[in-house]
Amino acid sequence: MKKPKNGNGRARESQKLTERIAELEETLRAIRMGEVDALLVSSPEGDQVFTLQGAEHPYRVLVETIDEGAAILAEDGTVLYSNQSFAKFFDISLEKFIGAPLYSLVFGRDREFLKTLIAGAKLAVTRGEIRVQHDNNKPRTIRLTLSPNRELGVDAICAVATELTEIVETNEALRVTETSLRQLSARLLQLQDEERRRIARDLHDTTGQKLVVLSMTLDRLARHSDLRKSEAQEALKEGREIAEKIAEEIRTLSYLLHPPLLDEVGFRSAAEWYVEGFSKRSGIEVTFDFAAEYQRLPVAVETALFRILQESLTNVHRHSKAKQARVRYLRQREYTILEIRDFGCGIAAERLAGLREVNGETGIGLAGMRERLNELNGRLELESDEHGTSIRAIVPLLTTMQLPTTMPYVPAGECGQVSQCASAD
């Protein structure tokens, strides 16, 4: 019969047990931290060495020194192993990171999204981006790649984390810059149209009227002068012809800068007038195919379509070597479409590919057309083959019909003078 142990004996055993537990906890910590390469286990059959799978020194050094995070998760998302980089992404010590559910370190929609990634990684590779923010630090964008792994003897998930914060911030800065540049470009185009309108009005109302006065003065001089000398008659006749020719050229230039028809009766009349004049000036036969019923469009849309028509026909004259061309205007339920097609030599495939690229090497004209359409949520389509080239400007109606359909107020005198000139031509 054993004698009961006294109080001192129980205290010593309790102390030994406490020390043993502390030793085991330290061993477990070392295993989790990857500080143990192998275990020596004593048994009646002798000592046995168990090498911990994946703990080979070179690989551990590699994983511990890379900037990317590497971890092994349980199927429920608990961190079983991690390198220092992964823990730093979440601003937590490695000791606290290991053993914690990964999704518990993110919040809001990112937490639910991460749970979805972990659940999907049980069967296949999943990828996604989450945002991590702690205290007052700026948010960090982390891209995770999770994949199933059953080589460790248990069902686990391998996780690789890459920080994208700098890339995201750079992309955002580029987006803001691009938006600012687009706004600036749109404003420049608007100022250009306003300046064209002002110059056209000044040419018509000021320079044109002065030439009218000059012609009247020459006529009065012819009536009240002694024109028995043939030189005087020829000089006056030549002066009147030159004055009339200059007046006609200024009137044409004024209309090309900004036709009054565009403001007064709309795009259809202005386009028809321009196409007719273009055919006479260039010798290119242009077919004008317009929708039977035309309703006025917002000023911004009509101005953009007219400028695109001008630039497109200019390109036809300069580059296509065409003898014929066609202008078509269609208005569908949701879109309005302007197509300018030439029947010329076409564009080489390599050159065409460059012109189709938004950031490719294009001329100012094509870039200007795209910018005008971007402001209207529209798009530009370019097609070409050996039979010719076509440009289509497509503008959605639903997003533009709230824009004004008439020009701002113009003083009556100026408006009347422009109207007289338009009707006289």
Protein backbone atom coordinates (compact mmCIF):
# COMPACT_ATOMS: atom_id res chain seq x y z
CA MET A 1 0.00 0.00 0.00
CA LYS A 2 1.44 3.34 -1.21
CA LYS A 3 1.70 6.16 1.22
CA PRO A 4 -0.04 9.39 0.18
CA LYS A 5 2.29 12.09 -1.00
CA ASN A 6 2.74 15.04 1.23
CA GLY A 7 2.22 18.64 0.07
CA ASN A 8 5.86 19.15 -0.95
CA GLY A 9 5.76 16.12 -3.29
CA ARG A 10 2.63 17.32 -5.03
CA ALA A 11 4.10 20.79 -5.48
CA ARG A 12 7.24 19.36 -7.12
CA GLU A 13 5.17 17.23 -9.53
CA SER A 14 2.99 20.24 -10.37
CA GLN A 15 6.07 22.33 -11.08
CA LYS A 16 7.54 19.60 -13.33
CA LEU A 17 4.23 19.31 -15.17
CA THR A 18 4.09 23.07 -15.68
CA GLU A 19 7.65 23.09 -17.04
CA ARG A 20 6.79 20.18 -19.35
CA ILE A 21 3.74 22.01 -20.68
CA ALA A 22 5.81 25.15 -21.28
CA GLU A 23 8.42 23.03 -23.12
CA LEU A 24 5.74 21.45 -25.29
CA GLU A 25 4.20 24.84 -26.06
CA GLU A 26 7.60 26.18 -27.06
CA THR A 27 8.16 23.12 -29.26
CA LEU A 28 4.78 23.60 -30.90
CA ARG A 29 5.55 27.27 -31.46
CA ALA A 30 8.91 26.41 -33.02
CA ILE A 31 7.23 23.89 -35.33
CA ARG A 32 4.62 26.43 -36.39
CA MET A 33 7.28 29.08 -36.99
CA GLY A 34 9.31 26.71 -39.13
CA GLU A 35 12.25 26.70 -36.70
CA VAL A 36 12.33 22.90 -36.45
CA ASP A 37 13.69 20.76 -39.27
CA ALA A 38 13.19 17.37 -37.62
CA LEU A 39 11.94 15.63 -34.47
CA LEU A 40 13.78 12.91 -32.50
CA VAL A 41 11.28 10.50 -30.92
CA SER A 42 12.41 7.85 -28.41
CA SER A 43 10.55 4.58 -28.25
CA PRO A 44 11.17 0.97 -27.03
CA GLU A 45 12.25 0.16 -30.59
CA GLY A 46 14.87 2.90 -30.48
CA ASP A 47 15.17 6.54 -31.45
CA GLN A 48 13.48 7.66 -34.68
CA VAL A 49 14.07 10.86 -36.63
CA PHE A 50 11.04 12.46 -38.33
CA THR A 51 11.88 15.13 -40.93
CA LEU A 52 9.18 17.78 -41.10
CA GLN A 53 7.85 17.86 -44.68
CA GLY A 54 8.51 21.18 -46.44
CA ALA A 55 11.04 22.33 -43.88
CA GLU A 56 14.11 21.96 -46.05
CA HIS A 57 16.37 24.86 -45.26
CA PRO A 58 16.95 26.31 -48.76
CA TYR A 59 13.23 26.47 -49.51
CA ARG A 60 12.45 27.99 -46.15
CA VAL A 61 15.08 30.69 -46.69
CA LEU A 62 13.60 31.42 -50.09
CA VAL A 63 10.03 31.69 -48.77
CA GLU A 64 11.04 33.80 -45.79
CA THR A 65 12.99 36.36 -47.84
CA ILE A 66 10.59 37.04 -50.72
CA ASP A 67 8.39 40.15 -50.69
CA GLU A 68 5.28 38.16 -51.57
CA GLY A 69 3.29 36.57 -48.80
CA ALA A 70 3.17 32.78 -48.62
CA ALA A 71 0.96 30.81 -46.28
CA ILE A 72 -0.81 27.51 -45.76
CA LEU A 73 -4.43 27.69 -44.63
CA ALA A 74 -6.76 25.10 -43.22
CA GLU A 75 -9.96 24.56 -45.17
CA ASP A 76 -11.78 26.91 -42.80
CA GLY A 77 -9.26 29.69 -43.51
CA THR A 78 -7.13 29.33 -40.35
CA VAL A 79 -3.47 30.19 -40.94
CA LEU A 80 -1.30 27.11 -40.34
CA TYR A 81 1.96 28.50 -41.66
CA SER A 82 3.05 31.90 -42.97
CA ASN A 83 6.15 33.87 -43.79
CA GLN A 84 6.81 37.32 -42.37
CA SER A 85 5.71 39.18 -45.52
CA PHE A 86 2.17 37.77 -45.38
CA ALA A 87 1.77 38.87 -41.74
CA LYS A 88 3.12 42.36 -42.50
CA PHE A 89 0.40 42.89 -45.10
CA PHE A 90 -2.12 42.64 -42.25
CA ASP A 91 0.02 44.67 -39.81
CA ILE A 92 0.16 41.84 -37.26
CA SER A 93 2.96 39.86 -35.66
CA LEU A 94 3.68 36.43 -37.05
CA GLU A 95 2.94 34.77 -33.68
CA LYS A 96 -0.61 36.21 -33.65
CA PHE A 97 -1.08 35.69 -37.37
CA ILE A 98 -0.51 31.91 -37.24
CA GLY A 99 -3.58 30.25 -35.81
CA ALA A 100 -5.94 33.13 -36.69
CA PRO A 101 -8.70 32.83 -39.32
CA LEU A 102 -7.49 34.88 -42.29
CA TYR A 103 -10.89 36.45 -42.97
CA SER A 104 -11.02 37.80 -39.40
CA LEU A 105 -8.34 40.33 -40.34
CA VAL A 106 -10.42 42.08 -43.02
CA PHE A 107 -13.75 43.84 -42.76
CA GLY A 108 -16.95 44.63 -44.62
CA ARG A 109 -17.44 43.35 -48.13
CA ASP A 110 -13.80 42.26 -48.30
CA ARG A 111 -14.43 39.75 -45.51
CA GLU A 112 -17.35 38.13 -47.34
CA PHE A 113 -15.38 38.14 -50.59
CA LEU A 114 -12.41 36.47 -48.87
CA LYS A 115 -14.69 33.78 -47.42
CA THR A 116 -15.92 33.10 -50.96
CA LEU A 117 -12.35 32.79 -52.24
CA ILE A 118 -11.43 30.36 -49.46
CA ALA A 119 -14.52 28.25 -50.06
CA GLY A 120 -13.79 28.09 -53.79
CA ALA A 121 -10.12 27.21 -53.19
CA LYS A 122 -11.13 23.83 -51.76
CA LEU A 123 -11.84 22.68 -55.32
CA ALA A 124 -9.90 24.95 -57.69
CA VAL A 125 -7.57 27.92 -57.89
CA THR A 126 -9.24 31.22 -56.96
CA ARG A 127 -7.92 34.74 -57.34
CA GLY A 128 -9.10 38.10 -56.13
CA GLU A 129 -8.16 41.44 -54.61
CA ILE A 130 -9.00 42.63 -51.11
CA ARG A 131 -8.39 45.91 -49.29
CA VAL A 132 -6.73 45.88 -45.88
CA GLN A 133 -6.71 48.90 -43.59
CA HIS A 134 -5.58 49.20 -39.98
CA ASP A 135 -5.99 52.21 -37.71
CA ASN A 136 -5.29 55.42 -39.63
CA ASN A 137 -3.00 53.87 -42.20
CA LYS A 138 -3.91 54.14 -45.86
CA PRO A 139 -5.67 51.12 -47.39
CA ARG A 140 -3.50 48.43 -48.95
CA THR A 141 -4.65 46.42 -51.95
CA ILE A 142 -3.63 42.76 -51.77
CA ARG A 143 -4.05 40.24 -54.57
CA LEU A 144 -4.56 36.68 -53.30
CA THR A 145 -4.08 33.44 -55.19
CA LEU A 146 -5.49 30.43 -53.36
CA SER A 147 -5.10 26.83 -54.53
CA PRO A 148 -5.98 23.45 -53.00
CA ASN A 149 -3.12 21.30 -51.71
CA ARG A 150 -3.41 17.73 -50.42
CA GLU A 151 0.29 16.82 -50.46
CA LEU A 152 0.74 17.70 -46.79
CA GLY A 153 -1.34 14.75 -45.63
CA VAL A 154 -4.28 16.98 -44.77
CA ASP A 155 -6.64 19.08 -46.84
CA ALA A 156 -5.05 22.52 -46.96
CA ILE A 157 -4.98 25.67 -49.07
CA CYS A 158 -1.82 27.31 -50.36
CA ALA A 159 -2.07 31.11 -50.36
CA VAL A 160 0.16 33.61 -52.16
CA ALA A 161 -0.31 37.34 -51.54
CA THR A 162 1.05 40.20 -53.65
CA GLU A 163 0.67 43.86 -52.75
CA LEU A 164 -0.81 45.97 -55.52
CA THR A 165 -1.19 49.23 -53.59
CA GLU A 166 1.41 51.11 -55.61
CA ILE A 167 0.03 49.83 -58.90
CA VAL A 168 -3.54 50.72 -57.91
CA GLU A 169 -2.48 54.22 -56.84
CA THR A 170 -0.57 54.70 -60.07
CA ASN A 171 -3.54 53.53 -62.14
CA GLU A 172 -5.84 55.86 -60.22
CA ALA A 173 -3.46 58.77 -60.80
CA LEU A 174 -3.35 57.90 -64.51
CA ARG A 175 -7.15 57.70 -64.60
CA VAL A 176 -7.48 61.13 -62.99
CA THR A 177 -4.90 62.55 -65.39
CA GLU A 178 -6.66 60.99 -68.36
CA THR A 179 -9.99 62.39 -67.20
CA SER A 180 -8.44 65.84 -66.82
CA LEU A 181 -6.89 65.62 -70.27
CA ARG A 182 -10.23 64.57 -71.78
CA GLN A 183 -11.97 67.47 -70.08
CA LEU A 184 -9.28 69.83 -71.31
CA SER A 185 -9.52 68.41 -74.84
CA ALA A 186 -13.30 68.78 -74.80
CA ARG A 187 -12.98 72.36 -73.58
CA LEU A 188 -10.45 73.15 -76.31
CA LEU A 189 -12.80 71.74 -78.95
CA GLN A 190 -15.64 73.82 -77.52
CA LEU A 191 -13.49 76.96 -77.56
CA GLN A 192 -12.40 76.14 -81.10
CA ASP A 193 -16.03 75.91 -82.24
CA GLU A 194 -16.89 79.17 -80.46
CA GLU A 195 -13.88 80.90 -82.03
CA ARG A 196 -14.81 79.60 -85.47
CA ARG A 197 -18.34 80.90 -84.97
CA ARG A 198 -17.03 84.31 -83.88
CA ILE A 199 -14.53 84.59 -86.75
CA ALA A 200 -17.17 83.52 -89.26
CA ARG A 201 -19.58 86.14 -87.96
CA ASP A 202 -16.88 88.84 -87.99
CA LEU A 203 -15.86 87.96 -91.55
CA HIS A 204 -19.45 88.12 -92.72
CA ASP A 205 -20.66 91.10 -90.72
CA THR A 206 -17.53 93.28 -90.81
CA THR A 207 -15.17 92.37 -93.63
CA GLY A 208 -17.97 91.28 -95.94
CA GLN A 209 -19.92 94.50 -95.40
CA LYS A 210 -16.84 96.61 -96.04
CA LEU A 211 -16.34 94.81 -99.35
CA VAL A 212 -19.95 95.58 -100.24
CA VAL A 213 -19.27 99.25 -99.53
CA LEU A 214 -16.12 99.03 -101.68
CA SER A 215 -18.10 97.59 -104.61
CA MET A 216 -20.72 100.33 -104.24
CA THR A 217 -18.00 102.99 -104.20
CA LEU A 218 -16.44 101.60 -107.36
CA ASP A 219 -19.86 101.59 -109.04
CA ARG A 220 -20.44 105.23 -108.03
CA LEU A 221 -16.98 106.15 -109.25
CA ALA A 222 -17.73 104.55 -112.60
CA ARG A 223 -20.93 106.58 -112.96
CA HIS A 224 -19.40 109.94 -112.07
CA SER A 225 -15.98 109.68 -113.73
CA ASP A 226 -14.81 110.43 -117.21
CA LEU A 227 -14.31 106.91 -118.56
CA ARG A 228 -13.45 107.83 -122.12
CA LYS A 229 -10.00 106.38 -121.55
CA SER A 230 -9.96 102.60 -121.95
CA GLU A 231 -7.33 102.19 -119.20
CA ALA A 232 -9.68 103.76 -116.64
CA GLN A 233 -12.58 101.59 -117.74
CA GLU A 234 -10.49 98.43 -117.48
CA ALA A 235 -9.11 99.44 -114.08
CA LEU A 236 -12.56 100.05 -112.61
CA LYS A 237 -13.93 96.84 -114.12
CA GLU A 238 -11.01 94.84 -112.77
CA GLY A 239 -11.39 96.45 -109.34
CA ARG A 240 -15.09 95.54 -109.18
CA GLU A 241 -14.35 91.94 -110.25
CA ILE A 242 -11.61 91.58 -107.65
CA ALA A 243 -13.86 93.02 -104.93
CA GLU A 244 -16.66 90.60 -105.87
CA LYS A 245 -14.25 87.66 -105.93
CA ILE A 246 -12.85 88.57 -102.51
CA ALA A 247 -16.37 88.94 -101.13
CA GLU A 248 -17.30 85.51 -102.48
CA GLU A 249 -14.17 83.88 -101.01
CA ILE A 250 -14.75 85.51 -97.62
CA ARG A 251 -18.37 84.38 -97.66
CA THR A 252 -17.27 80.83 -98.48
CA LEU A 253 -14.59 80.89 -95.79
CA SER A 254 -17.12 82.22 -93.30
CA TYR A 255 -19.52 79.41 -94.13
CA LEU A 256 -16.80 76.76 -93.92
CA LEU A 257 -15.73 78.02 -90.50
CA HIS A 258 -19.28 77.85 -89.24
CA PRO A 259 -22.27 77.70 -91.59
CA PRO A 260 -25.23 79.75 -90.32
CA LEU A 261 -27.51 76.99 -91.58
CA LEU A 262 -26.18 74.74 -88.81
CA ASP A 263 -27.58 77.06 -86.14
CA GLU A 264 -30.73 78.10 -87.98
CA VAL A 265 -32.16 74.95 -89.54
CA GLY A 266 -29.89 72.14 -88.34
CA PHE A 267 -27.38 69.56 -89.44
CA ARG A 268 -29.22 68.23 -92.46
CA SER A 269 -29.33 71.53 -94.37
CA ALA A 270 -25.77 72.43 -93.37
CA ALA A 271 -24.49 68.99 -94.42
CA GLU A 272 -26.31 69.13 -97.75
CA TRP A 273 -24.89 72.58 -98.46
CA TYR A 274 -21.37 71.48 -97.50
CA VAL A 275 -21.49 68.28 -99.57
CA GLU A 276 -22.67 70.19 -102.62
CA GLY A 277 -19.88 72.75 -102.24
CA PHE A 278 -17.29 70.04 -101.61
CA SER A 279 -18.25 68.26 -104.84
CA LYS A 280 -17.84 71.48 -106.83
CA ARG A 281 -14.48 72.34 -105.25
CA SER A 282 -12.93 68.84 -105.34
CA GLY A 283 -14.46 67.30 -108.45
CA ILE A 284 -15.46 64.23 -106.39
CA GLU A 285 -19.02 63.06 -106.97
CA VAL A 286 -20.67 62.68 -103.56
CA THR A 287 -24.02 60.93 -103.05
CA PHE A 288 -26.06 62.43 -100.23
CA ASP A 289 -28.34 59.85 -98.57
CA PHE A 290 -30.28 61.31 -95.63
CA ALA A 291 -33.10 59.99 -93.47
CA ALA A 292 -36.48 61.03 -94.89
CA GLU A 293 -37.66 62.64 -91.66
CA TYR A 294 -35.12 64.73 -89.81
CA GLN A 295 -35.61 66.02 -86.28
CA ARG A 296 -33.30 68.56 -84.78
CA LEU A 297 -30.58 67.10 -82.56
CA PRO A 298 -28.89 68.84 -79.61
CA VAL A 299 -26.46 71.56 -80.67
CA ALA A 300 -23.45 69.62 -79.37
CA VAL A 301 -24.43 66.57 -81.45
CA GLU A 302 -25.11 68.52 -84.65
CA THR A 303 -21.86 70.46 -84.30
CA ALA A 304 -19.86 67.26 -83.71
CA LEU A 305 -21.45 65.51 -86.71
CA PHE A 306 -20.80 68.49 -88.97
CA ARG A 307 -17.12 68.72 -87.94
CA ILE A 308 -16.71 64.97 -88.47
CA LEU A 309 -18.29 65.34 -91.93
CA GLN A 310 -15.88 68.16 -92.77
CA GLU A 311 -12.80 66.31 -91.58
CA SER A 312 -13.81 63.02 -93.23
CA LEU A 313 -14.43 64.59 -96.64
CA THR A 314 -11.15 66.49 -96.33
CA ASN A 315 -9.39 63.16 -95.77
CA VAL A 316 -11.22 61.69 -98.78
CA HIS A 317 -9.92 64.54 -100.94
CA ARG A 318 -6.35 64.30 -99.61
CA HIS A 319 -5.75 60.57 -99.38
CA SER A 320 -8.32 58.34 -101.08
CA LYS A 321 -7.74 59.14 -104.78
CA ALA A 322 -11.46 58.50 -105.11
CA LYS A 323 -13.74 59.86 -107.81
CA GLN A 324 -16.88 58.99 -105.90
CA ALA A 325 -17.99 59.06 -102.28
CA ARG A 326 -21.18 58.67 -100.28
CA VAL A 327 -22.57 60.39 -97.18
CA ARG A 328 -25.33 58.54 -95.30
CA TYR A 329 -27.25 59.62 -92.24
CA LEU A 330 -29.48 57.20 -90.32
CA ARG A 331 -31.51 57.80 -87.20
CA GLN A 332 -32.52 54.69 -85.33
CA ARG A 333 -34.43 54.35 -82.09
CA GLU A 334 -31.38 54.52 -79.85
CA TYR A 335 -28.62 55.80 -82.13
CA THR A 336 -27.88 58.31 -84.83
CA ILE A 337 -25.28 57.21 -87.38
CA LEU A 338 -23.27 59.28 -89.85
CA GLU A 339 -21.26 57.31 -92.42
CA ILE A 340 -18.80 58.77 -94.92
CA ARG A 341 -17.52 56.25 -97.47
CA ASP A 342 -15.15 56.74 -100.35
CA PHE A 343 -14.57 54.38 -103.26
CA GLY A 344 -10.85 54.89 -103.47
CA CYS A 345 -7.61 53.05 -102.81
CA GLY A 346 -8.28 52.09 -99.18
CA ILE A 347 -5.83 51.93 -96.30
CA ALA A 348 -3.08 49.34 -95.86
CA ALA A 349 -3.85 46.74 -93.17
CA GLU A 350 -0.90 47.71 -90.95
CA ARG A 351 -1.75 51.38 -91.15
CA LEU A 352 -5.43 50.65 -90.53
CA ALA A 353 -4.59 48.72 -87.34
CA GLY A 354 -2.64 51.71 -86.04
CA LEU A 355 -5.46 54.12 -86.83
CA ARG A 356 -7.98 51.94 -85.00
CA GLU A 357 -5.96 52.04 -81.80
CA VAL A 358 -7.24 54.76 -79.48
CA ASN A 359 -3.67 55.63 -78.44
CA GLY A 360 -2.13 54.76 -81.79
CA GLU A 361 -0.33 57.09 -84.16
CA THR A 362 -3.19 59.05 -85.67
CA GLY A 363 -3.49 62.49 -87.14
CA ILE A 364 -5.07 65.41 -85.35
CA GLY A 365 -8.24 65.04 -87.41
CA LEU A 366 -9.03 61.47 -86.37
CA ALA A 367 -8.11 62.17 -82.75
CA GLY A 368 -10.39 65.22 -82.78
CA MET A 369 -13.28 63.15 -84.11
CA ARG A 370 -12.83 60.60 -81.35
CA GLU A 371 -12.70 63.29 -78.68
CA ARG A 372 -15.92 64.88 -79.93
CA LEU A 373 -17.69 61.53 -79.85
CA ASN A 374 -16.27 60.61 -76.43
CA GLU A 375 -17.95 63.69 -75.00
CA LEU A 376 -21.26 62.39 -76.35
CA ASN A 377 -20.65 58.77 -75.19
CA GLY A 378 -20.38 57.84 -78.86
CA ARG A 379 -17.80 55.92 -80.82
CA LEU A 380 -15.94 56.06 -84.13
CA GLU A 381 -15.67 53.03 -86.41
CA LEU A 382 -13.13 52.79 -89.22
CA GLU A 383 -13.26 50.16 -91.97
CA SER A 384 -11.19 49.86 -95.12
CA ASP A 385 -10.41 47.40 -97.91
CA GLU A 386 -9.26 47.53 -101.51
CA HIS A 387 -12.60 49.07 -102.52
CA GLY A 388 -12.38 52.10 -100.25
CA THR A 389 -12.71 53.39 -96.69
CA SER A 390 -15.68 54.16 -94.47
CA ILE A 391 -15.94 56.13 -91.25
CA ARG A 392 -18.99 55.79 -89.02
CA ALA A 393 -19.81 58.17 -86.19
CA ILE A 394 -22.33 56.58 -83.82
CA VAL A 395 -24.00 58.69 -81.14
CA PRO A 396 -26.48 57.33 -78.58
CA LEU A 397 -29.64 59.42 -78.45
CA LEU A 398 -30.80 58.55 -74.94
CA THR A 399 -27.76 60.18 -73.31
CA THR A 400 -27.78 63.32 -75.49
CA MET A 401 -31.42 64.34 -75.91
CA GLN A 402 -31.32 66.37 -72.68
CA LEU A 403 -28.82 68.75 -74.25
CA PRO A 404 -30.11 72.06 -75.73
CA THR A 405 -31.28 71.94 -79.37
CA THR A 406 -30.76 75.63 -80.11
CA MET A 407 -27.87 78.03 -79.86
CA PRO A 408 -27.65 80.63 -77.07
CA TYR A 409 -29.25 84.02 -77.75
CA VAL A 410 -27.59 86.13 -80.46
CA PRO A 411 -28.42 89.88 -80.90
CA ALA A 412 -31.11 90.46 -83.52
CA GLY A 413 -28.93 92.50 -85.83
CA GLU A 414 -26.25 89.83 -86.11
CA CYS A 415 -28.79 87.07 -86.52
CA GLY A 416 -30.59 88.99 -89.25
CA GLN A 417 -27.41 89.65 -91.22
CA VAL A 418 -26.39 86.01 -91.11
CA SER A 419 -29.88 84.95 -92.23
CA GLN A 420 -29.74 87.30 -95.23
CA CYS A 421 -26.40 85.92 -96.26
CA ALA A 422 -27.61 82.34 -95.91
CA SER A 423 -30.66 82.93 -98.05
CA ALA A 424 -28.71 84.85 -100.67
CA ASP A 425 -26.22 82.06 -101.19
